[in-house]
Amino acid sequence: MTKLAFLGLGVMGYPMAGHLASAGHDVCVYNRTAAKAEGWVKEHGGTSAPTPREAAEGAECVMACVGNDDDLRSVCLGEDGAFAGMEKGAVFVDHTTVSAQVTEELYAAAKEAGIGYVDAPISGGQAGAENGQLSIMCGGDEDVYAKAEPVMETYAKLCRRIGESGAGQMTKMCNQIAIAGLVQGLSEALHFAEKAGLDGRAVVEVISQGAAGSWQMANRYETMLDDQFEHGFAVDWMRKDLGICLKTGDENGASLPVTALVDQYYKDVQKMGGGRWDTSSLIKRLRKLG
């Protein structure tokens, strides 16, 4: 049994922390809304703490899965931040999708405090978190990653160190860039099928078995055809991620024309009131256009 802390109990963090408890670890949780942390303890056991610092005290490994750069800074730094409560040699694992800049900043702060730091963004959606089947892409020092890997494997289908600090976040950007184009392509294909008077389900049954097949097609085509968009990663969060991708692309010289275009399409979805719809709602924009 390992003493662990988990900071952030959203749709991803709540089940991830639950897997750690189910594996027999001693888990202390923190959430900005304390009632959610208390509910998690009632369901899974363990303990909750009123601050990240108190949750992290005595923990060998501290995981975080929060919203954005500022949220991550707030749980790491300051008098009540996790770093202030962690012992030298402990490891902080960030599962949030954030910028390379904040990763660099927090890696340096952790190193100065004698704490290991792994950037470990995740892919697989809410279902992946609930089923313990996440893909985890990591950056950080090899020896630090080696300490954290056995813990992360509790809720991972695949966990891999890609390179030095920041490599995990850069890989997550690749993931979001690929998804943006895939979802737009799938939306256009299904919209075209509707306009052509075809049975969308029959179309997908055939094309999904060939080169057009993808996770997005297999897991989202039915809800897209049924005009249901409450089944995954929200548009607001996707725009946050794509903003990080586009900013980083400007800095490193990568050309991302499709990503930039799809980001604007998601902006249109937000204007339709779809900020909390899942990312497959791009098809709803096409239907509105005609």
Protein backbone atom coordinates (compact mmCIF):
# COMPACT_ATOMS: atom_id res chain seq x y z
CA MET A 1 0.00 0.00 0.00
CA THR A 2 1.33 3.41 -1.00
CA LYS A 3 0.26 6.73 0.52
CA LEU A 4 -1.02 8.87 -2.34
CA ALA A 5 -2.84 12.15 -2.90
CA PHE A 6 -5.16 13.07 -5.76
CA LEU A 7 -6.01 16.71 -6.46
CA GLY A 8 -9.07 17.44 -8.60
CA LEU A 9 -12.14 15.22 -8.73
CA GLY A 10 -13.75 16.15 -12.04
CA VAL A 11 -15.16 13.69 -14.57
CA MET A 12 -11.68 12.25 -15.08
CA GLY A 13 -10.06 12.63 -11.66
CA TYR A 14 -12.94 11.16 -9.64
CA PRO A 15 -12.79 7.68 -11.23
CA MET A 16 -8.98 7.76 -11.55
CA ALA A 17 -8.64 8.33 -7.80
CA GLY A 18 -11.19 5.58 -7.31
CA HIS A 19 -9.00 3.08 -9.16
CA LEU A 20 -6.12 3.93 -6.84
CA ALA A 21 -8.28 3.27 -3.79
CA SER A 22 -9.59 0.02 -5.29
CA ALA A 23 -5.98 -1.10 -5.81
CA GLY A 24 -5.45 -0.84 -2.05
CA HIS A 25 -3.58 2.46 -1.85
CA ASP A 26 -4.09 4.93 0.99
CA VAL A 27 -5.53 7.90 -0.93
CA CYS A 28 -6.16 11.43 0.36
CA VAL A 29 -8.17 13.61 -2.03
CA TYR A 30 -8.59 17.33 -2.46
CA ASN A 31 -11.21 19.11 -4.52
CA ARG A 32 -12.01 22.81 -4.75
CA THR A 33 -15.63 21.93 -3.91
CA ALA A 34 -15.18 20.09 -0.63
CA ALA A 35 -18.54 18.32 -0.83
CA LYS A 36 -17.34 16.36 -3.84
CA ALA A 37 -14.27 15.18 -1.95
CA GLU A 38 -16.44 14.13 0.96
CA GLY A 39 -18.70 12.20 -1.43
CA TRP A 40 -15.67 10.45 -2.93
CA VAL A 41 -14.52 9.37 0.54
CA LYS A 42 -17.96 7.95 1.33
CA GLU A 43 -17.83 5.94 -1.90
CA HIS A 44 -14.19 4.84 -1.93
CA GLY A 45 -12.81 5.24 1.58
CA GLY A 46 -9.56 7.08 2.20
CA THR A 47 -9.55 10.66 3.45
CA SER A 48 -10.02 14.20 2.19
CA ALA A 49 -8.14 17.40 3.02
CA PRO A 50 -9.13 21.08 2.90
CA THR A 51 -5.99 22.18 1.02
CA PRO A 52 -3.61 20.64 -1.52
CA ARG A 53 -0.78 21.02 0.98
CA GLU A 54 -2.54 18.95 3.63
CA ALA A 55 -3.56 16.31 1.08
CA ALA A 56 0.05 16.00 -0.11
CA GLU A 57 1.67 15.71 3.31
CA GLY A 58 3.39 12.34 3.65
CA ALA A 59 2.34 11.18 0.17
CA GLU A 60 4.91 9.34 -1.93
CA CYS A 61 3.13 10.41 -5.10
CA VAL A 62 0.68 13.27 -5.71
CA MET A 63 -1.53 13.27 -8.80
CA ALA A 64 -3.41 16.28 -10.15
CA CYS A 65 -6.12 16.52 -12.79
CA VAL A 66 -7.52 20.06 -12.83
CA GLY A 67 -8.73 22.53 -15.45
CA ASN A 68 -6.01 24.76 -16.84
CA ASP A 69 -2.66 26.48 -16.23
CA ASP A 70 -3.93 28.74 -13.44
CA ASP A 71 -5.75 25.88 -11.70
CA LEU A 72 -2.57 23.82 -11.78
CA ARG A 73 -0.46 26.64 -10.39
CA SER A 74 -2.96 27.16 -7.59
CA VAL A 75 -2.80 23.53 -6.41
CA CYS A 76 1.00 23.37 -6.69
CA LEU A 77 2.36 26.69 -5.46
CA GLY A 78 1.94 28.98 -2.48
CA GLU A 79 1.52 28.38 1.22
CA ASP A 80 -1.38 25.95 0.70
CA GLY A 81 0.02 24.37 -2.47
CA ALA A 82 1.00 20.71 -2.74
CA PHE A 83 4.71 21.46 -3.16
CA ALA A 84 4.77 23.03 0.32
CA GLY A 85 3.51 19.79 1.87
CA MET A 86 5.53 17.25 -0.12
CA GLU A 87 8.66 15.62 1.24
CA LYS A 88 11.92 15.57 -0.70
CA GLY A 89 11.98 12.63 -3.10
CA ALA A 90 8.19 12.54 -3.49
CA VAL A 91 6.79 12.73 -7.03
CA PHE A 92 4.15 15.09 -8.46
CA VAL A 93 2.28 13.81 -11.51
CA ASP A 94 0.26 16.31 -13.57
CA HIS A 95 -2.56 14.72 -15.60
CA THR A 96 -3.95 18.11 -16.68
CA THR A 97 -3.60 19.29 -20.27
CA VAL A 98 -1.66 22.54 -19.88
CA SER A 99 0.86 24.69 -21.72
CA ALA A 100 4.51 23.78 -22.11
CA GLN A 101 5.32 27.04 -20.33
CA VAL A 102 3.58 26.15 -17.06
CA THR A 103 5.09 22.68 -17.21
CA GLU A 104 8.57 24.19 -17.50
CA GLU A 105 7.83 26.56 -14.63
CA LEU A 106 6.50 23.88 -12.28
CA TYR A 107 9.19 21.34 -13.18
CA ALA A 108 11.81 23.92 -12.16
CA ALA A 109 9.97 24.79 -8.93
CA ALA A 110 9.64 21.12 -8.02
CA LYS A 111 13.29 20.42 -8.74
CA GLU A 112 14.33 23.30 -6.53
CA ALA A 113 12.21 21.82 -3.72
CA GLY A 114 13.71 18.36 -4.20
CA ILE A 115 10.47 17.00 -5.67
CA GLY A 116 10.15 14.90 -8.81
CA TYR A 117 7.77 16.17 -11.53
CA VAL A 118 6.13 14.26 -14.39
CA ASP A 119 3.86 15.88 -16.98
CA ALA A 120 1.41 13.11 -17.83
CA PRO A 121 -1.63 14.29 -19.80
CA ILE A 122 -4.24 11.67 -20.58
CA SER A 123 -6.42 10.57 -23.47
CA GLY A 124 -9.37 8.21 -23.51
CA GLY A 125 -12.23 10.35 -22.25
CA GLN A 126 -14.54 9.80 -19.32
CA ALA A 127 -15.13 6.17 -20.33
CA GLY A 128 -11.38 5.55 -20.36
CA ALA A 129 -11.04 7.01 -16.88
CA GLU A 130 -13.96 4.99 -15.53
CA ASN A 131 -12.70 1.75 -17.08
CA GLY A 132 -9.04 2.30 -16.20
CA GLN A 133 -8.12 2.33 -19.90
CA LEU A 134 -6.39 5.68 -20.35
CA SER A 135 -3.49 6.43 -22.65
CA ILE A 136 -0.91 8.41 -20.67
CA MET A 137 1.88 10.33 -22.43
CA CYS A 138 4.68 11.42 -20.11
CA GLY A 139 7.64 13.74 -19.88
CA GLY A 140 10.21 13.98 -17.11
CA ASP A 141 13.39 12.56 -15.67
CA GLU A 142 13.75 8.80 -16.23
CA ASP A 143 14.24 7.92 -12.57
CA VAL A 144 11.27 10.03 -11.50
CA TYR A 145 9.04 8.50 -14.17
CA ALA A 146 10.10 5.02 -13.00
CA LYS A 147 8.73 5.82 -9.53
CA ALA A 148 5.41 7.11 -10.88
CA GLU A 149 4.75 4.55 -13.60
CA PRO A 150 3.49 1.70 -11.35
CA VAL A 151 0.96 4.07 -9.79
CA MET A 152 -0.28 5.40 -13.14
CA GLU A 153 -0.63 1.90 -14.54
CA THR A 154 -3.53 1.44 -12.11
CA TYR A 155 -5.78 3.38 -14.51
CA ALA A 156 -3.84 3.10 -17.78
CA LYS A 157 -4.16 1.01 -20.91
CA LEU A 158 -0.82 2.42 -22.02
CA CYS A 159 1.65 4.58 -20.09
CA ARG A 160 4.83 5.72 -21.80
CA ARG A 161 7.63 8.22 -21.20
CA ILE A 162 8.13 10.15 -24.44
CA GLY A 163 11.08 12.26 -23.35
CA GLU A 164 12.28 14.99 -21.02
CA SER A 165 10.01 17.37 -19.11
CA GLY A 166 7.36 18.86 -21.41
CA ALA A 167 7.36 15.95 -23.87
CA GLY A 168 4.11 14.64 -22.42
CA GLN A 169 2.31 17.92 -22.99
CA MET A 170 3.72 18.22 -26.51
CA THR A 171 2.45 14.72 -27.28
CA LYS A 172 -1.00 15.62 -25.95
CA MET A 173 -0.98 18.56 -28.37
CA CYS A 174 -0.34 16.08 -31.21
CA ASN A 175 -3.32 14.09 -29.92
CA GLN A 176 -5.66 17.09 -29.95
CA ILE A 177 -4.44 18.24 -33.37
CA ALA A 178 -5.19 14.77 -34.79
CA ILE A 179 -8.62 14.60 -33.14
CA ALA A 180 -9.70 18.02 -34.45
CA GLY A 181 -9.24 16.99 -38.06
CA LEU A 182 -10.74 13.54 -37.51
CA VAL A 183 -13.94 14.85 -35.93
CA GLN A 184 -14.46 17.43 -38.67
CA GLY A 185 -13.91 14.77 -41.35
CA LEU A 186 -16.34 12.38 -39.66
CA SER A 187 -18.90 15.17 -39.28
CA GLU A 188 -18.67 16.02 -42.97
CA ALA A 189 -18.96 12.34 -43.97
CA LEU A 190 -22.10 11.79 -41.88
CA HIS A 191 -23.59 15.09 -43.01
CA PHE A 192 -22.93 14.15 -46.63
CA ALA A 193 -24.61 10.76 -46.06
CA GLU A 194 -27.69 12.50 -44.65
CA LYS A 195 -27.88 14.90 -47.60
CA ALA A 196 -27.50 11.98 -50.03
CA GLY A 197 -30.41 10.14 -48.42
CA LEU A 198 -28.24 7.27 -47.19
CA ASP A 199 -28.66 5.22 -44.03
CA GLY A 200 -25.85 6.63 -41.88
CA ARG A 201 -25.56 3.50 -39.77
CA ALA A 202 -25.20 1.29 -42.82
CA VAL A 203 -22.60 3.66 -44.24
CA VAL A 204 -20.51 3.55 -41.07
CA GLU A 205 -20.83 -0.23 -40.82
CA VAL A 206 -19.07 -0.48 -44.16
CA ILE A 207 -16.53 2.35 -44.10
CA SER A 208 -15.48 1.76 -40.48
CA GLN A 209 -13.97 -1.56 -41.53
CA GLY A 210 -11.68 0.11 -44.05
CA ALA A 211 -9.15 2.91 -44.06
CA ALA A 212 -11.68 5.45 -42.76
CA GLY A 213 -12.13 3.67 -39.43
CA SER A 214 -11.17 5.48 -36.21
CA TRP A 215 -11.93 5.59 -32.49
CA GLN A 216 -14.07 8.65 -33.10
CA MET A 217 -16.11 6.83 -35.72
CA ALA A 218 -16.57 3.71 -33.61
CA ASN A 219 -17.53 5.58 -30.44
CA ARG A 220 -19.35 8.69 -31.64
CA TYR A 221 -21.17 8.02 -34.93
CA GLU A 222 -24.43 6.82 -33.34
CA THR A 223 -24.78 9.78 -30.99
CA MET A 224 -23.88 12.13 -33.84
CA LEU A 225 -26.58 10.63 -36.04
CA ASP A 226 -29.04 10.90 -33.15
CA ASP A 227 -28.10 14.57 -32.54
CA GLN A 228 -26.93 13.83 -28.99
CA PHE A 229 -23.85 15.60 -27.68
CA GLU A 230 -23.57 14.88 -23.96
CA HIS A 231 -21.11 12.02 -24.24
CA GLY A 232 -17.57 13.27 -23.99
CA PHE A 233 -14.98 16.04 -23.88
CA ALA A 234 -16.59 19.49 -23.93
CA VAL A 235 -16.10 22.03 -26.72
CA ASP A 236 -14.97 24.67 -24.20
CA TRP A 237 -12.13 22.41 -23.09
CA MET A 238 -11.22 21.49 -26.64
CA ARG A 239 -10.88 25.16 -27.56
CA LYS A 240 -8.62 25.65 -24.55
CA ASP A 241 -6.44 22.78 -25.77
CA LEU A 242 -6.42 23.89 -29.40
CA GLY A 243 -5.44 27.38 -28.26
CA ILE A 244 -2.38 25.84 -26.58
CA CYS A 245 -1.60 23.90 -29.78
CA LEU A 246 -1.87 26.96 -32.02
CA LYS A 247 0.21 29.15 -29.68
CA THR A 248 2.92 26.49 -29.48
CA GLY A 249 2.80 26.03 -33.26
CA ASP A 250 3.44 29.74 -33.69
CA GLU A 251 6.44 29.43 -31.39
CA ASN A 252 8.02 26.34 -32.94
CA GLY A 253 7.14 27.07 -36.56
CA ALA A 254 4.64 24.21 -37.08
CA SER A 255 2.00 24.86 -39.73
CA LEU A 256 -1.45 23.95 -38.40
CA PRO A 257 -4.00 25.20 -40.97
CA VAL A 258 -6.64 22.51 -40.37
CA THR A 259 -6.34 22.88 -36.60
CA ALA A 260 -6.82 26.65 -36.88
CA LEU A 261 -9.88 26.16 -39.10
CA VAL A 262 -11.51 23.58 -36.84
CA ASP A 263 -10.85 25.80 -33.82
CA GLN A 264 -12.96 28.47 -35.53
CA TYR A 265 -15.66 25.90 -36.23
CA TYR A 266 -15.73 25.09 -32.52
CA LYS A 267 -16.06 28.81 -31.88
CA ASP A 268 -19.19 28.72 -34.05
CA VAL A 269 -20.50 25.83 -31.92
CA GLN A 270 -19.92 27.90 -28.78
CA LYS A 271 -21.95 30.73 -30.34
CA MET A 272 -24.75 28.20 -30.89
CA GLY A 273 -24.77 27.62 -27.13
CA GLY A 274 -22.78 24.40 -27.40
CA GLY A 275 -19.81 25.13 -25.16
CA ARG A 276 -20.64 22.15 -22.97
CA TRP A 277 -21.58 19.84 -25.86
CA ASP A 278 -19.00 17.18 -26.66
CA THR A 279 -16.53 17.67 -29.50
CA SER A 280 -18.55 15.59 -31.98
CA SER A 281 -21.05 18.48 -32.09
CA LEU A 282 -19.21 19.85 -35.14
CA ILE A 283 -21.89 18.02 -37.17
CA LYS A 284 -24.56 20.23 -35.56
CA ARG A 285 -22.84 23.26 -37.06
CA LEU A 286 -23.00 21.65 -40.52
CA ARG A 287 -26.69 20.86 -40.08
CA LYS A 288 -27.34 24.49 -39.16
CA LEU A 289 -25.55 25.64 -42.29
CA GLY A 290 -27.85 23.46 -44.35
